[in-house]
Amino acid sequence: MSRYDADLRVVGEHGQPLHVVVDIDEERLSLHTADTEIGSWARSEVRINALNDGFHIRVEGDEIVLDLGDEVDADFALAAGLRAGPPLLRRKMSARLRSQ
């Protein structure tokens, strides 16, 4: 399982993002704060797309955006099994794959 710190915001809502921890593996995606689980879903229930403003996650009819920062965004994209995204992210993903 891979673990990442992220800022979460709900599409269409304004205000401060919520700091969360994201756990992801081949079977599950889980989001939680320091003391509360926000949700845990089977990967088959979740759609993840990398866009310029972050990772858009659609689950249970809602869409959230995770901002993981430039240091780990390629690692998260690879852990999520993504093959597409903005050009800079794709270059970073390629570099990570080459260095493995």
C-alpha atoms as a PDB file:
ATOM      1  CA  MET A   1       0.000   0.000   0.000  1.00  0.00           C
ATOM      2  CA  SER A   2       1.176   3.501  -0.822  1.00  0.00           C
ATOM      3  CA  ARG A   3       0.388   6.464   1.441  1.00  0.00           C
ATOM      4  CA  TYR A   4       0.296  10.131   0.416  1.00  0.00           C
ATOM      5  CA  ASP A   5      -0.514  13.448   2.074  1.00  0.00           C
ATOM      6  CA  ALA A   6      -2.908  15.574   0.035  1.00  0.00           C
ATOM      7  CA  ASP A   7      -5.247  18.530   0.102  1.00  0.00           C
ATOM      8  CA  LEU A   8      -8.828  17.618  -0.766  1.00  0.00           C
ATOM      9  CA  ARG A   9     -11.504  19.874  -2.169  1.00  0.00           C
ATOM     10  CA  VAL A  10     -14.966  19.126  -3.507  1.00  0.00           C
ATOM     11  CA  VAL A  11     -15.633  20.220  -7.084  1.00  0.00           C
ATOM     12  CA  GLY A  12     -17.908  23.245  -7.108  1.00  0.00           C
ATOM     13  CA  GLU A  13     -17.267  24.235  -3.497  1.00  0.00           C
ATOM     14  CA  HIS A  14     -14.992  27.050  -2.413  1.00  0.00           C
ATOM     15  CA  GLY A  15     -13.067  27.416   0.782  1.00  0.00           C
ATOM     16  CA  GLN A  16     -10.033  25.913   2.416  1.00  0.00           C
ATOM     17  CA  PRO A  17      -9.039  22.430   1.301  1.00  0.00           C
ATOM     18  CA  LEU A  18      -9.042  19.627   3.844  1.00  0.00           C
ATOM     19  CA  HIS A  19      -5.714  17.944   4.596  1.00  0.00           C
ATOM     20  CA  VAL A  20      -6.086  14.174   4.146  1.00  0.00           C
ATOM     21  CA  VAL A  21      -4.005  11.033   3.963  1.00  0.00           C
ATOM     22  CA  VAL A  22      -4.589   8.841   0.923  1.00  0.00           C
ATOM     23  CA  ASP A  23      -3.925   5.108   1.023  1.00  0.00           C
ATOM     24  CA  ILE A  24      -3.985   3.365  -2.335  1.00  0.00           C
ATOM     25  CA  ASP A  25      -3.198  -0.120  -3.543  1.00  0.00           C
ATOM     26  CA  GLU A  26      -4.422  -2.387  -6.314  1.00  0.00           C
ATOM     27  CA  GLU A  27      -7.668  -3.149  -4.479  1.00  0.00           C
ATOM     28  CA  ARG A  28      -8.664  -0.066  -2.413  1.00  0.00           C
ATOM     29  CA  LEU A  29      -8.521   3.708  -2.142  1.00  0.00           C
ATOM     30  CA  SER A  30      -8.996   5.187   1.342  1.00  0.00           C
ATOM     31  CA  LEU A  31      -9.087   8.795   2.528  1.00  0.00           C
ATOM     32  CA  HIS A  32      -8.809   9.897   6.127  1.00  0.00           C
ATOM     33  CA  THR A  33      -7.890  12.849   8.296  1.00  0.00           C
ATOM     34  CA  ALA A  34      -5.836  12.529  11.455  1.00  0.00           C
ATOM     35  CA  ASP A  35      -8.803  11.109  13.359  1.00  0.00           C
ATOM     36  CA  THR A  36     -11.636  10.366  10.891  1.00  0.00           C
ATOM     37  CA  GLU A  37     -12.028   8.040   7.930  1.00  0.00           C
ATOM     38  CA  ILE A  38     -13.653   9.920   5.055  1.00  0.00           C
ATOM     39  CA  GLY A  39     -14.150   6.824   2.939  1.00  0.00           C
ATOM     40  CA  SER A  40     -12.727   3.584   1.685  1.00  0.00           C
ATOM     41  CA  TRP A  41     -13.702   2.185  -1.691  1.00  0.00           C
ATOM     42  CA  ALA A  42     -12.856  -0.706  -3.954  1.00  0.00           C
ATOM     43  CA  ARG A  43     -10.748   0.533  -6.846  1.00  0.00           C
ATOM     44  CA  SER A  44     -13.438  -0.709  -9.235  1.00  0.00           C
ATOM     45  CA  GLU A  45     -15.823   1.885  -7.715  1.00  0.00           C
ATOM     46  CA  VAL A  46     -13.433   4.800  -8.222  1.00  0.00           C
ATOM     47  CA  ARG A  47     -12.525   6.755 -11.361  1.00  0.00           C
ATOM     48  CA  ILE A  48      -9.285   8.758 -11.203  1.00  0.00           C
ATOM     49  CA  ASN A  49      -8.234  11.319 -13.816  1.00  0.00           C
ATOM     50  CA  ALA A  50      -5.150  13.519 -13.718  1.00  0.00           C
ATOM     51  CA  LEU A  51      -5.914  17.085 -14.780  1.00  0.00           C
ATOM     52  CA  ASN A  52      -3.952  20.327 -14.494  1.00  0.00           C
ATOM     53  CA  ASP A  53      -5.486  21.208 -11.124  1.00  0.00           C
ATOM     54  CA  GLY A  54      -4.970  17.805  -9.479  1.00  0.00           C
ATOM     55  CA  PHE A  55      -6.326  14.283  -9.431  1.00  0.00           C
ATOM     56  CA  HIS A  56     -10.082  14.231  -9.985  1.00  0.00           C
ATOM     57  CA  ILE A  57     -11.696  11.309  -8.232  1.00  0.00           C
ATOM     58  CA  ARG A  58     -15.278  10.292  -8.923  1.00  0.00           C
ATOM     59  CA  VAL A  59     -16.955   7.992  -6.440  1.00  0.00           C
ATOM     60  CA  GLU A  60     -20.545   7.489  -5.309  1.00  0.00           C
ATOM     61  CA  GLY A  61     -21.754  10.329  -7.544  1.00  0.00           C
ATOM     62  CA  ASP A  62     -19.358  12.897  -6.071  1.00  0.00           C
ATOM     63  CA  GLU A  63     -16.216  14.418  -7.520  1.00  0.00           C
ATOM     64  CA  ILE A  64     -13.281  15.512  -5.401  1.00  0.00           C
ATOM     65  CA  VAL A  65      -9.892  16.866  -6.337  1.00  0.00           C
ATOM     66  CA  LEU A  66      -6.671  15.817  -4.609  1.00  0.00           C
ATOM     67  CA  ASP A  67      -3.591  18.022  -4.746  1.00  0.00           C
ATOM     68  CA  LEU A  68      -0.578  15.940  -3.781  1.00  0.00           C
ATOM     69  CA  GLY A  69       2.131  18.396  -4.751  1.00  0.00           C
ATOM     70  CA  ASP A  70       4.826  18.129  -7.378  1.00  0.00           C
ATOM     71  CA  GLU A  71       7.116  15.860  -5.365  1.00  0.00           C
ATOM     72  CA  VAL A  72       4.849  12.799  -5.328  1.00  0.00           C
ATOM     73  CA  ASP A  73       2.221  13.346  -8.017  1.00  0.00           C
ATOM     74  CA  ALA A  74       3.954  10.990 -10.457  1.00  0.00           C
ATOM     75  CA  ASP A  75       4.260   8.300  -7.780  1.00  0.00           C
ATOM     76  CA  PHE A  76       0.541   8.576  -7.009  1.00  0.00           C
ATOM     77  CA  ALA A  77      -0.346   8.477 -10.709  1.00  0.00           C
ATOM     78  CA  LEU A  78       1.653   5.274 -11.131  1.00  0.00           C
ATOM     79  CA  ALA A  79       0.153   3.739  -7.977  1.00  0.00           C
ATOM     80  CA  ALA A  80      -3.295   4.581  -9.367  1.00  0.00           C
ATOM     81  CA  GLY A  81      -2.438   2.865 -12.660  1.00  0.00           C
ATOM     82  CA  LEU A  82      -2.853   6.006 -14.729  1.00  0.00           C
ATOM     83  CA  ARG A  83      -1.474   6.127 -18.244  1.00  0.00           C
ATOM     84  CA  ALA A  84      -2.678   9.607 -19.245  1.00  0.00           C
ATOM     85  CA  GLY A  85      -2.459  13.086 -17.790  1.00  0.00           C
ATOM     86  CA  PRO A  86      -1.048  16.529 -18.418  1.00  0.00           C
ATOM     87  CA  PRO A  87       2.281  16.570 -20.306  1.00  0.00           C
ATOM     88  CA  LEU A  88       4.453  17.490 -17.295  1.00  0.00           C
ATOM     89  CA  LEU A  89       2.960  14.685 -15.208  1.00  0.00           C
ATOM     90  CA  ARG A  90       3.480  12.164 -18.029  1.00  0.00           C
ATOM     91  CA  ARG A  91       7.148  13.197 -18.291  1.00  0.00           C
ATOM     92  CA  LYS A  92       7.610  12.744 -14.538  1.00  0.00           C
ATOM     93  CA  MET A  93       5.874   9.361 -14.677  1.00  0.00           C
ATOM     94  CA  SER A  94       8.211   8.261 -17.487  1.00  0.00           C
ATOM     95  CA  ALA A  95      11.234   9.393 -15.514  1.00  0.00           C
ATOM     96  CA  ARG A  96      10.057   7.406 -12.450  1.00  0.00           C
ATOM     97  CA  LEU A  97       9.544   4.300 -14.564  1.00  0.00           C
ATOM     98  CA  ARG A  98      13.000   4.637 -16.132  1.00  0.00           C
ATOM     99  CA  SER A  99      14.650   4.978 -12.725  1.00  0.00           C
ATOM    100  CA  GLN A 100      13.092   1.792 -11.351  1.00  0.00           C
END
